[in-house]
Amino acid sequence: MKKELLIIITLIFTFNLITLAQQSKSRNSDIQIQKTWARPAVKYANSALYFVIENRGGKIDTLIGAQSNIAEETEVHESFKKDNDKIGMRPAGRIAIKPKSEFEFKPGGFHVMLLGVLKDLKIGDKIEAVLLLKYAGKIKVKAEVRDMPMTKEMK
């Protein structure tokens, strides 16, 4: 009797693990990260990570933060216009990604700040970061360091 009970408990536990793994996989597949790149920077300076989040699912998800071992701190920021047409930056907080939509992180807009990079980031280097989403969880991204394109504000 004890042996049968142990087998039943083991089967239930295994079934729950498989179900949980499949749910995590399907949730993460709703969120796609594309067009990732980062700015070059010298050691201890700041860089930024840019990308597009696509929510292919039917439910809203929320970017709640980011992590990276390449910098002392990693924060989600937004650029904004100050007085006299100057540009400032501030922490962005949580960013809602609507269902069936894309949200672009780009120069002059939302971005992930890499504060105090721990090594030189040269054009062509590859870096990794983790985006933290409320429902999709942790999504690892890889980005190539590229030269920053000129934006309207810079011209």
Protein backbone atom coordinates (compact mmCIF):
# COMPACT_ATOMS: atom_id res chain seq x y z
CA MET A 1 0.00 0.00 0.00
CA LYS A 2 2.82 2.42 0.87
CA LYS A 3 4.60 1.60 -2.38
CA GLU A 4 1.44 2.35 -4.43
CA LEU A 5 0.90 5.61 -2.57
CA LEU A 6 4.52 6.62 -3.25
CA ILE A 7 4.08 5.85 -6.97
CA ILE A 8 0.88 7.92 -7.13
CA ILE A 9 2.52 10.89 -5.37
CA THR A 10 5.53 10.64 -7.71
CA LEU A 11 3.25 10.59 -10.78
CA ILE A 12 1.26 13.60 -9.55
CA PHE A 13 4.48 15.52 -8.82
CA THR A 14 5.91 14.67 -12.27
CA PHE A 15 2.66 15.64 -14.01
CA ASN A 16 2.63 19.00 -12.18
CA LEU A 17 6.23 19.70 -13.18
CA ILE A 18 5.51 18.93 -16.83
CA THR A 19 2.39 21.11 -16.79
CA LEU A 20 4.26 23.99 -15.16
CA ALA A 21 7.10 23.73 -17.71
CA GLN A 22 4.64 23.79 -20.61
CA GLN A 23 2.81 26.81 -19.17
CA SER A 24 6.09 28.70 -18.73
CA LYS A 25 7.12 27.85 -22.28
CA SER A 26 3.82 29.01 -23.77
CA ARG A 27 3.83 32.24 -21.73
CA ASN A 28 7.39 33.08 -22.74
CA SER A 29 6.67 32.38 -26.39
CA ASP A 30 4.04 35.16 -26.35
CA ILE A 31 6.79 37.70 -25.71
CA GLN A 32 9.49 38.07 -28.36
CA ILE A 33 12.54 40.34 -28.09
CA GLN A 34 13.93 41.53 -31.41
CA LYS A 35 16.46 43.98 -32.87
CA THR A 36 18.64 44.08 -29.75
CA TRP A 37 21.74 46.27 -29.74
CA ALA A 38 23.81 48.32 -27.31
CA ARG A 39 25.89 51.50 -27.47
CA PRO A 40 29.67 51.41 -27.24
CA ALA A 41 31.22 52.70 -23.99
CA VAL A 42 34.52 52.76 -22.16
CA LYS A 43 34.95 51.01 -18.81
CA TYR A 44 33.00 52.72 -15.96
CA ALA A 45 31.02 54.90 -18.40
CA ASN A 46 27.35 54.34 -19.24
CA SER A 47 25.82 52.51 -22.16
CA ALA A 48 22.27 51.65 -23.16
CA LEU A 49 20.45 48.61 -24.47
CA TYR A 50 17.80 48.97 -27.18
CA PHE A 51 15.30 46.44 -28.55
CA VAL A 52 11.71 45.80 -29.56
CA ILE A 53 9.34 43.81 -27.33
CA GLU A 54 6.58 42.08 -29.25
CA ASN A 55 3.60 40.74 -27.31
CA ARG A 56 2.00 38.10 -29.53
CA GLY A 57 -0.35 36.96 -26.77
CA GLY A 58 -3.86 37.97 -25.86
CA LYS A 59 -2.98 39.43 -22.43
CA ILE A 60 -1.08 42.50 -21.35
CA ASP A 61 2.38 41.92 -19.85
CA THR A 62 4.58 44.39 -18.01
CA LEU A 63 8.32 45.01 -18.13
CA ILE A 64 9.23 45.43 -14.47
CA GLY A 65 13.03 45.63 -14.71
CA ALA A 66 16.27 44.42 -16.21
CA GLN A 67 19.52 42.84 -15.04
CA SER A 68 23.01 42.56 -16.51
CA ASN A 69 26.40 41.44 -15.25
CA ILE A 70 28.08 43.85 -17.68
CA ALA A 71 27.33 46.95 -15.54
CA GLU A 72 27.28 48.03 -11.90
CA GLU A 73 23.59 48.93 -12.24
CA THR A 74 20.90 48.22 -14.82
CA GLU A 75 17.77 50.39 -14.97
CA VAL A 76 14.86 50.94 -17.34
CA HIS A 77 14.82 54.65 -18.31
CA GLU A 78 12.96 57.06 -20.52
CA SER A 79 14.22 60.21 -22.22
CA PHE A 80 12.13 63.37 -21.98
CA LYS A 81 12.34 67.00 -23.13
CA LYS A 82 13.28 69.56 -20.49
CA ASP A 83 13.16 73.32 -20.66
CA ASN A 84 15.05 74.95 -23.54
CA ASP A 85 14.76 71.78 -25.67
CA LYS A 86 17.26 69.87 -23.54
CA ILE A 87 16.89 66.14 -23.14
CA GLY A 88 16.81 64.47 -19.72
CA MET A 89 16.49 60.90 -18.49
CA ARG A 90 14.56 59.38 -15.62
CA PRO A 91 13.64 55.91 -14.38
CA ALA A 92 10.65 54.65 -16.34
CA GLY A 93 9.05 52.37 -13.78
CA ARG A 94 6.87 49.59 -15.14
CA ILE A 95 6.06 49.51 -18.86
CA ALA A 96 2.87 47.82 -20.06
CA ILE A 97 3.16 45.85 -23.29
CA LYS A 98 -0.32 45.59 -24.79
CA PRO A 99 -1.53 42.37 -26.42
CA LYS A 100 -0.82 41.96 -30.14
CA SER A 101 1.52 44.96 -30.15
CA GLU A 102 5.17 46.04 -30.20
CA PHE A 103 6.98 48.45 -27.91
CA GLU A 104 10.29 49.92 -29.12
CA PHE A 105 13.18 50.86 -26.87
CA LYS A 106 15.27 53.34 -28.89
CA PRO A 107 17.64 56.30 -28.59
CA GLY A 108 15.73 59.37 -27.43
CA GLY A 109 12.95 57.19 -25.96
CA PHE A 110 12.75 54.25 -23.59
CA HIS A 111 15.94 52.25 -23.05
CA VAL A 112 17.76 50.06 -20.54
CA MET A 113 20.63 52.00 -18.98
CA LEU A 114 23.84 50.11 -18.26
CA LEU A 115 25.37 52.29 -15.56
CA GLY A 116 29.08 51.90 -14.95
CA VAL A 117 29.98 49.22 -17.48
CA LEU A 118 32.60 46.85 -16.12
CA LYS A 119 34.66 46.65 -19.33
CA ASP A 120 35.03 48.53 -22.59
CA LEU A 121 32.12 47.84 -24.94
CA LYS A 122 33.53 47.99 -28.46
CA ILE A 123 31.62 47.82 -31.73
CA GLY A 124 31.07 44.15 -32.55
CA ASP A 125 31.18 42.93 -28.93
CA LYS A 126 28.30 40.79 -27.69
CA ILE A 127 26.65 41.34 -24.30
CA GLU A 128 23.84 39.66 -22.37
CA ALA A 129 21.04 41.02 -20.21
CA VAL A 130 17.86 39.70 -18.66
CA LEU A 131 14.50 41.43 -19.04
CA LEU A 132 12.05 40.87 -16.18
CA LEU A 133 8.40 40.66 -17.18
CA LYS A 134 5.46 40.23 -14.83
CA TYR A 135 4.00 37.15 -16.56
CA ALA A 136 6.63 35.97 -19.03
CA GLY A 137 9.26 36.01 -16.29
CA LYS A 138 12.97 36.32 -17.06
CA ILE A 139 13.94 36.57 -20.72
CA LYS A 140 17.64 36.45 -21.58
CA VAL A 141 18.66 38.70 -24.46
CA LYS A 142 21.92 38.97 -26.39
CA ALA A 143 22.90 42.24 -28.02
CA GLU A 144 25.66 43.34 -30.34
CA VAL A 145 27.43 46.61 -29.58
CA ARG A 146 26.86 48.95 -32.52
CA ASP A 147 27.55 52.55 -33.39
CA MET A 148 24.64 54.75 -32.38
CA PRO A 149 22.58 55.99 -35.35
CA MET A 150 21.78 59.67 -35.68
CA THR A 151 18.26 60.57 -34.54
CA LYS A 152 16.20 63.65 -35.48
CA GLU A 153 17.05 65.22 -32.13
CA MET A 154 20.80 64.83 -32.81
CA LYS A 155 20.76 66.30 -36.34
